[in-house]
Amino acid sequence: MRVSFVLPTYNESLSIEKAIQRIESLALNIDKEIIVVDDDSPDGTSKIVKSLSYQFNDLRLVRRYGRSGLASAIKEGIMCSTGSAVVVMDADGQHDIGSISSMLSLLENDPDLDLVIGSRFKADPNDLKGLSKGRTLGSTIANKTSRFVLDRRYQRLTDFMSGFFAFKASSLEEISKAVDVEGFKFLFEALSLSKGKLNVKEVAIRFHEREAGSSKLDIPVVWDYVISLIHSGSFRLLPRRMIGFGLVGLSGVVIQLSASSLLDLFTPGSFSQTLPFAVSLAAVWNFTLNNQLTFRSRKLKGKNYISGLLKFLFVSSLPIAANVGAAAYIYNTYGGSKLSAQLAGIVIAYLWNYVASSKVVWNSN
């Protein structure tokens, strides 16, 4: 069996050498290659891998510029692999290297098996030293909610969020191509796309404490999970970014309504005059959040941030005018609540904002 090990990395200079040496020291009768996919880590991770490649002939480095993200790094590594089996694992030393033998043995001895997942939650809780209470709670919630959107055949699985898994290349080749690079977890996305067609087993693994570096879990990661959940639960009918843009827009609705209500307290009777300020404030809020979350792979900084904001306000000017005009017209003509008038204007603005700002501000297809 030829096995390709795929290790996605970002700022893992303190652990990558040990991770590679551990794979190299495995007493397995296999032909192997190790593919490190590095997102141009500023800490010099790629330099270490490059120097190690002179020592280990089976080590390959894929250094990415202008591309980033865990799911996309794994996908690129898989697409570059040549093995009949692929093992995906982190480079931080938390995944139990000793489990690889049993994972590969299952794949080799069961012709019907497609995928083996290294599950943290199938193991003894004492073997989860690498998970804090907060991360354990977060992963538990994520796993439980994932069951609502994945095929019933996968309901028995315990760790949809695992970053440690092995599979037959032939079984996941087409699925890997289709995985959304903006997705949350590669494994979750692959299971969602497979629609229950994969034969999957789990093995219990020890999850060690991180030896060096820091966890990559942050707000954008949680954001990606929420988007993935909605994306899969809605049968993947809407683009991920459109869902993200819509969620940001909902938070902008709260900002607009709150600002409008606050201004109305101090200047009662001036709804039509204060509404433009509330709408503009919500537009700035939406741009900032979309830049940080929805379009963070194309994140604008410095001067580009200012010019992007101006472009966003420009392309939003028509729906802003429509938002203000429709809300004011409905309120002044038909009366009713100020809330329903504003919501009518907000609905009119949404689609235009998404399409126009995607193209003009973040230059996204």
Protein backbone atom coordinates (compact mmCIF):
# COMPACT_ATOMS: atom_id res chain seq x y z
CA MET A 1 0.00 0.00 0.00
CA ARG A 2 1.23 3.48 -0.84
CA VAL A 3 0.13 5.95 1.84
CA SER A 4 0.06 9.74 1.53
CA PHE A 5 0.21 11.69 4.78
CA VAL A 6 -1.31 15.18 4.48
CA LEU A 7 -0.37 17.72 7.16
CA PRO A 8 -1.92 21.22 6.88
CA THR A 9 0.15 23.81 8.74
CA TYR A 10 0.10 27.42 9.83
CA ASN A 11 2.67 28.66 12.36
CA GLU A 12 3.77 25.20 13.46
CA SER A 13 7.54 25.81 13.45
CA LEU A 14 7.87 24.49 17.02
CA SER A 15 6.19 21.16 16.31
CA ILE A 16 6.48 20.32 12.60
CA GLU A 17 9.91 18.68 12.78
CA LYS A 18 8.86 16.31 15.55
CA ALA A 19 5.62 15.47 13.70
CA ILE A 20 7.52 14.53 10.55
CA GLN A 21 10.10 12.49 12.46
CA ARG A 22 7.33 10.55 14.20
CA ILE A 23 5.75 9.60 10.88
CA GLU A 24 9.15 8.67 9.47
CA SER A 25 9.81 6.41 12.48
CA LEU A 26 6.58 4.42 12.06
CA ALA A 27 7.31 0.70 11.80
CA LEU A 28 4.94 0.08 8.94
CA ASN A 29 5.55 -1.94 5.81
CA ILE A 30 4.33 0.77 3.46
CA ASP A 31 5.55 3.00 0.69
CA LYS A 32 4.77 6.54 1.84
CA GLU A 33 4.94 10.22 1.09
CA ILE A 34 4.46 13.14 3.49
CA ILE A 35 2.84 16.27 2.07
CA VAL A 36 3.00 19.40 4.21
CA VAL A 37 0.64 22.13 2.98
CA ASP A 38 1.74 25.39 4.57
CA ASP A 39 -0.25 28.64 4.36
CA ASP A 40 2.92 30.75 4.08
CA SER A 41 3.46 30.72 7.86
CA PRO A 42 5.32 33.84 9.01
CA ASP A 43 7.09 31.82 11.73
CA GLY A 44 9.24 29.92 9.22
CA THR A 45 7.40 26.58 9.19
CA SER A 46 8.02 26.12 5.46
CA LYS A 47 11.79 26.72 5.88
CA ILE A 48 11.99 23.90 8.40
CA VAL A 49 10.06 21.54 6.12
CA LYS A 50 12.26 22.51 3.18
CA SER A 51 15.44 21.75 5.13
CA LEU A 52 14.02 18.40 6.30
CA SER A 53 13.22 17.44 2.71
CA TYR A 54 16.99 16.99 2.12
CA GLN A 55 16.99 14.42 4.91
CA PHE A 56 13.74 12.65 4.00
CA ASN A 57 13.24 11.95 0.30
CA ASP A 58 9.55 11.19 0.75
CA LEU A 59 8.79 14.65 2.18
CA ARG A 60 7.10 17.25 -0.03
CA LEU A 61 6.24 20.88 0.68
CA VAL A 62 3.30 22.76 -0.81
CA ARG A 63 3.75 26.42 0.09
CA ARG A 64 0.68 28.50 -0.61
CA TYR A 65 0.47 32.20 -1.41
CA GLY A 66 -2.80 34.09 -1.54
CA ARG A 67 -4.71 31.03 -0.36
CA SER A 68 -5.49 30.02 3.20
CA GLY A 69 -7.83 27.92 5.31
CA LEU A 70 -7.78 24.46 6.86
CA ALA A 71 -10.32 22.81 4.55
CA SER A 72 -8.67 24.18 1.41
CA ALA A 73 -5.20 23.13 2.62
CA ILE A 74 -6.38 19.57 3.20
CA LYS A 75 -8.12 19.52 -0.17
CA GLU A 76 -4.99 20.75 -1.95
CA GLY A 77 -2.85 18.17 -0.18
CA ILE A 78 -5.22 15.37 -1.18
CA MET A 79 -5.29 16.56 -4.79
CA CYS A 80 -1.46 16.48 -4.80
CA SER A 81 -1.24 13.01 -3.24
CA THR A 82 -0.31 9.85 -5.11
CA GLY A 83 -1.13 7.19 -2.49
CA SER A 84 -3.84 4.58 -2.69
CA ALA A 85 -4.63 5.58 0.90
CA VAL A 86 -4.48 9.03 2.48
CA VAL A 87 -4.00 9.93 6.14
CA VAL A 88 -4.91 13.46 7.21
CA MET A 89 -3.63 14.68 10.56
CA ASP A 90 -2.56 17.82 12.39
CA ALA A 91 1.09 18.76 12.81
CA ASP A 92 0.80 19.91 16.43
CA GLY A 93 1.47 16.52 18.05
CA GLN A 94 -2.01 16.11 19.51
CA HIS A 95 -3.09 13.22 17.29
CA ASP A 96 -1.98 9.78 18.45
CA ILE A 97 0.56 8.54 15.93
CA GLY A 98 0.17 5.00 17.29
CA SER A 99 -3.39 4.80 15.92
CA ILE A 100 -2.24 5.01 12.30
CA SER A 101 -1.36 1.31 12.15
CA SER A 102 -4.86 0.17 13.14
CA MET A 103 -6.52 2.74 10.84
CA LEU A 104 -4.53 1.56 7.82
CA SER A 105 -5.03 -2.09 8.77
CA LEU A 106 -8.80 -1.61 8.73
CA LEU A 107 -8.66 -0.01 5.29
CA GLU A 108 -6.40 -2.72 3.88
CA ASN A 109 -8.33 -5.69 5.24
CA ASP A 110 -11.88 -4.52 4.53
CA PRO A 111 -12.53 -4.08 0.79
CA ASP A 112 -15.85 -2.34 1.48
CA LEU A 113 -14.48 0.22 3.93
CA ASP A 114 -13.96 3.74 2.62
CA LEU A 115 -13.05 5.89 5.59
CA VAL A 116 -11.66 5.48 9.12
CA ILE A 117 -12.06 8.34 11.59
CA GLY A 118 -9.82 8.82 14.60
CA SER A 119 -12.44 9.69 17.22
CA ARG A 120 -11.60 11.66 20.35
CA PHE A 121 -14.97 10.90 21.91
CA LYS A 122 -14.92 7.14 21.42
CA ALA A 123 -11.95 6.96 23.76
CA ASP A 124 -11.67 7.02 27.55
CA PRO A 125 -12.22 10.61 28.79
CA ASN A 126 -8.83 10.33 30.52
CA ASP A 127 -7.23 10.14 27.07
CA LEU A 128 -8.51 13.61 26.14
CA LYS A 129 -5.72 15.55 27.80
CA GLY A 130 -5.48 17.86 24.81
CA LEU A 131 -9.05 19.12 25.14
CA SER A 132 -9.86 21.81 27.66
CA LYS A 133 -13.31 21.89 29.27
CA GLY A 134 -14.32 24.70 26.94
CA ARG A 135 -13.17 22.90 23.80
CA THR A 136 -14.75 19.65 24.98
CA LEU A 137 -18.08 21.42 25.45
CA GLY A 138 -17.78 23.17 22.09
CA SER A 139 -16.90 19.96 20.24
CA THR A 140 -19.70 18.08 21.96
CA ILE A 141 -22.25 20.71 20.91
CA ALA A 142 -20.87 20.76 17.37
CA ASN A 143 -21.06 16.96 17.08
CA LYS A 144 -24.61 16.80 18.41
CA THR A 145 -25.92 19.54 16.13
CA SER A 146 -24.13 18.01 13.13
CA ARG A 147 -26.30 14.91 13.43
CA PHE A 148 -29.34 16.96 12.44
CA VAL A 149 -27.92 17.80 8.99
CA LEU A 150 -25.97 14.64 8.06
CA ASP A 151 -27.31 11.42 6.59
CA ARG A 152 -28.89 8.95 9.02
CA ARG A 153 -26.24 6.37 8.17
CA TYR A 154 -23.69 8.51 10.01
CA GLN A 155 -25.73 9.01 13.18
CA ARG A 156 -23.71 6.40 15.06
CA LEU A 157 -20.45 8.32 14.56
CA THR A 158 -19.04 10.24 17.53
CA ASP A 159 -16.57 12.77 16.08
CA PHE A 160 -17.63 14.61 12.93
CA MET A 161 -15.15 17.38 13.83
CA SER A 162 -12.07 15.14 13.82
CA GLY A 163 -9.00 16.34 11.97
CA PHE A 164 -7.48 12.84 12.01
CA PHE A 165 -8.78 10.34 9.47
CA ALA A 166 -7.66 7.86 6.80
CA PHE A 167 -9.41 6.86 3.61
CA LYS A 168 -9.03 5.04 0.31
CA ALA A 169 -8.15 7.60 -2.32
CA SER A 170 -10.49 6.02 -4.87
CA SER A 171 -13.45 6.34 -2.48
CA LEU A 172 -13.14 10.05 -1.79
CA GLU A 173 -11.52 11.39 -4.95
CA GLU A 174 -14.65 12.94 -6.45
CA ILE A 175 -15.97 14.04 -3.07
CA SER A 176 -12.66 15.74 -2.28
CA LYS A 177 -12.88 17.71 -5.51
CA ALA A 178 -16.34 18.95 -4.54
CA VAL A 179 -15.50 19.98 -0.94
CA ASP A 180 -16.07 23.70 -0.45
CA VAL A 181 -12.71 25.30 0.38
CA GLU A 182 -14.55 27.90 2.45
CA GLY A 183 -15.96 25.10 4.57
CA PHE A 184 -15.50 24.51 8.29
CA LYS A 185 -14.03 21.02 8.62
CA PHE A 186 -12.99 18.91 5.66
CA LEU A 187 -14.38 15.73 7.22
CA PHE A 188 -17.76 17.30 7.98
CA GLU A 189 -17.99 18.70 4.44
CA ALA A 190 -17.02 15.34 2.90
CA LEU A 191 -19.63 13.46 4.94
CA SER A 192 -22.27 16.03 3.99
CA LEU A 193 -21.45 15.73 0.29
CA SER A 194 -21.35 11.92 0.36
CA LYS A 195 -25.05 11.70 1.34
CA GLY A 196 -24.54 8.50 3.30
CA LYS A 197 -22.74 6.59 0.55
CA LEU A 198 -19.48 6.07 2.44
CA ASN A 199 -18.77 3.03 4.57
CA VAL A 200 -17.21 4.54 7.70
CA LYS A 201 -15.66 3.16 10.88
CA GLU A 202 -14.16 4.89 13.90
CA VAL A 203 -11.20 4.03 16.11
CA ALA A 204 -10.65 5.51 19.55
CA ILE A 205 -7.60 7.75 19.75
CA ARG A 206 -5.71 9.51 22.48
CA PHE A 207 -5.75 13.28 22.08
CA HIS A 208 -2.54 14.61 23.57
CA GLU A 209 -1.78 18.05 24.94
CA ARG A 210 -0.33 20.45 22.41
CA GLU A 211 3.46 20.42 22.80
CA ALA A 212 4.04 23.86 21.34
CA GLY A 213 2.28 26.70 19.54
CA SER A 214 -1.33 27.72 20.04
CA SER A 215 -4.76 26.47 19.02
CA LYS A 216 -6.30 27.88 15.82
CA LEU A 217 -9.80 27.87 17.33
CA ASP A 218 -11.19 31.40 17.14
CA ILE A 219 -14.36 33.33 16.27
CA PRO A 220 -13.95 32.85 12.47
CA VAL A 221 -13.73 29.07 13.03
CA VAL A 222 -16.97 29.10 15.03
CA TRP A 223 -18.49 31.29 12.30
CA ASP A 224 -17.50 28.74 9.65
CA TYR A 225 -19.16 25.99 11.65
CA VAL A 226 -22.46 27.89 11.87
CA ILE A 227 -22.34 28.57 8.12
CA SER A 228 -21.56 24.91 7.37
CA LEU A 229 -24.46 23.79 9.54
CA ILE A 230 -26.93 26.07 7.75
CA HIS A 231 -25.41 25.25 4.34
CA SER A 232 -25.79 21.50 4.82
CA GLY A 233 -29.16 21.79 6.54
CA SER A 234 -30.55 23.80 3.61
CA PHE A 235 -29.46 21.09 1.11
CA ARG A 236 -26.55 23.32 -0.05
CA LEU A 237 -28.95 25.33 -2.23
CA LEU A 238 -27.49 28.74 -1.32
CA PRO A 239 -23.81 29.71 -1.65
CA ARG A 240 -21.95 29.74 1.67
CA ARG A 241 -21.02 33.38 1.29
CA MET A 242 -24.60 34.35 0.60
CA ILE A 243 -25.58 32.70 3.89
CA GLY A 244 -22.79 34.52 5.71
CA PHE A 245 -23.76 37.80 4.07
CA GLY A 246 -27.33 37.24 5.19
CA LEU A 247 -26.34 36.54 8.81
CA VAL A 248 -24.21 39.67 8.88
CA GLY A 249 -27.17 41.52 7.39
CA LEU A 250 -29.38 40.31 10.24
CA SER A 251 -26.94 41.73 12.76
CA GLY A 252 -27.04 44.98 10.75
CA VAL A 253 -30.82 44.96 11.12
CA VAL A 254 -30.37 44.92 14.89
CA ILE A 255 -27.89 47.82 14.66
CA GLN A 256 -30.23 49.85 12.43
CA LEU A 257 -33.33 49.26 14.54
CA SER A 258 -31.45 49.95 17.79
CA ALA A 259 -29.92 53.17 16.47
CA SER A 260 -33.25 54.32 15.04
CA SER A 261 -35.07 53.61 18.30
CA LEU A 262 -32.42 55.39 20.34
CA LEU A 263 -32.50 58.48 18.13
CA ASP A 264 -36.28 58.47 18.23
CA LEU A 265 -36.14 58.74 22.04
CA PHE A 266 -34.13 61.95 21.86
CA THR A 267 -35.76 63.44 18.76
CA PRO A 268 -39.35 62.16 18.62
CA GLY A 269 -41.22 62.84 15.43
CA SER A 270 -38.10 63.02 13.24
CA PHE A 271 -38.12 59.43 11.97
CA SER A 272 -37.54 60.36 8.31
CA GLN A 273 -34.60 62.63 9.24
CA THR A 274 -32.80 60.22 11.60
CA LEU A 275 -33.36 57.07 9.53
CA PRO A 276 -30.53 57.78 7.01
CA PHE A 277 -28.00 57.91 9.87
CA ALA A 278 -29.23 54.58 11.30
CA VAL A 279 -29.11 52.94 7.86
CA SER A 280 -25.60 54.28 7.17
CA LEU A 281 -24.35 53.08 10.56
CA ALA A 282 -25.70 49.60 9.81
CA ALA A 283 -23.95 49.67 6.39
CA VAL A 284 -20.57 50.41 8.00
CA TRP A 285 -21.19 47.63 10.53
CA ASN A 286 -22.08 45.17 7.76
CA PHE A 287 -18.96 46.03 5.76
CA THR A 288 -16.69 45.55 8.77
CA LEU A 289 -18.16 42.17 9.73
CA ASN A 290 -18.22 40.90 6.14
CA ASN A 291 -14.59 41.90 5.74
CA GLN A 292 -13.64 40.05 8.94
CA LEU A 293 -15.77 36.95 8.41
CA THR A 294 -17.64 36.40 5.12
CA PHE A 295 -14.82 37.55 2.84
CA ARG A 296 -11.86 37.09 5.17
CA SER A 297 -9.94 35.10 2.55
CA ARG A 298 -9.97 38.39 0.60
CA LYS A 299 -9.72 40.59 3.69
CA LEU A 300 -9.01 44.25 3.00
CA LYS A 301 -6.45 46.04 5.16
CA GLY A 302 -5.00 49.54 5.51
CA LYS A 303 -5.70 51.78 2.54
CA ASN A 304 -7.56 48.96 0.82
CA TYR A 305 -9.91 48.80 3.81
CA ILE A 306 -10.78 52.49 3.43
CA SER A 307 -11.22 52.26 -0.32
CA GLY A 308 -13.25 49.06 0.14
CA LEU A 309 -15.52 50.79 2.64
CA LEU A 310 -16.08 53.67 0.22
CA LYS A 311 -16.87 51.21 -2.58
CA PHE A 312 -19.23 49.32 -0.29
CA LEU A 313 -21.05 52.52 0.64
CA PHE A 314 -21.18 53.47 -3.04
CA VAL A 315 -22.64 50.17 -4.26
CA SER A 316 -24.96 50.24 -1.25
CA SER A 317 -26.13 53.78 -1.99
CA LEU A 318 -28.94 52.65 -4.28
CA PRO A 319 -30.38 50.11 -1.82
CA ILE A 320 -29.73 52.54 1.04
CA ALA A 321 -31.84 55.08 -0.84
CA ALA A 322 -34.40 52.37 -1.52
CA ASN A 323 -34.27 51.29 2.12
CA VAL A 324 -34.83 54.82 3.41
CA GLY A 325 -37.34 55.75 0.68
CA ALA A 326 -39.43 52.59 1.00
CA ALA A 327 -39.44 52.69 4.79
CA ALA A 328 -40.34 56.39 4.93
CA TYR A 329 -43.00 56.03 2.19
CA ILE A 330 -44.68 53.02 3.83
CA TYR A 331 -44.65 54.69 7.22
CA ASN A 332 -45.89 58.09 5.99
CA THR A 333 -48.49 56.68 3.57
CA TYR A 334 -49.86 53.65 5.31
CA GLY A 335 -48.89 54.30 8.88
CA GLY A 336 -48.42 51.19 10.94
CA SER A 337 -45.29 50.45 12.91
CA LYS A 338 -41.88 51.92 12.24
CA LEU A 339 -40.46 48.41 12.60
CA SER A 340 -42.44 46.95 9.68
CA ALA A 341 -41.59 49.99 7.54
CA GLN A 342 -37.87 49.55 8.14
CA LEU A 343 -37.99 45.78 7.56
CA ALA A 344 -39.61 46.37 4.16
CA GLY A 345 -36.72 48.64 3.17
CA ILE A 346 -34.13 46.16 4.48
CA VAL A 347 -35.53 43.29 2.40
CA ILE A 348 -35.31 45.41 -0.76
CA ALA A 349 -31.63 46.15 -0.10
CA TYR A 350 -30.30 42.65 0.64
CA LEU A 351 -29.89 40.98 -2.78
CA TRP A 352 -28.43 44.02 -4.45
CA ASN A 353 -25.90 44.47 -1.65
CA TYR A 354 -24.73 40.86 -1.85
CA VAL A 355 -24.28 40.67 -5.61
CA ALA A 356 -22.82 44.15 -6.10
CA SER A 357 -20.44 44.17 -3.11
CA SER A 358 -19.19 40.64 -3.90
CA LYS A 359 -18.15 41.75 -7.37
CA VAL A 360 -17.03 45.33 -6.78
CA VAL A 361 -15.65 45.39 -3.21
CA TRP A 362 -14.11 41.93 -2.68
CA ASN A 363 -13.80 40.94 -6.35
CA SER A 364 -15.35 37.54 -5.67
CA ASN A 365 -17.20 35.30 -8.12
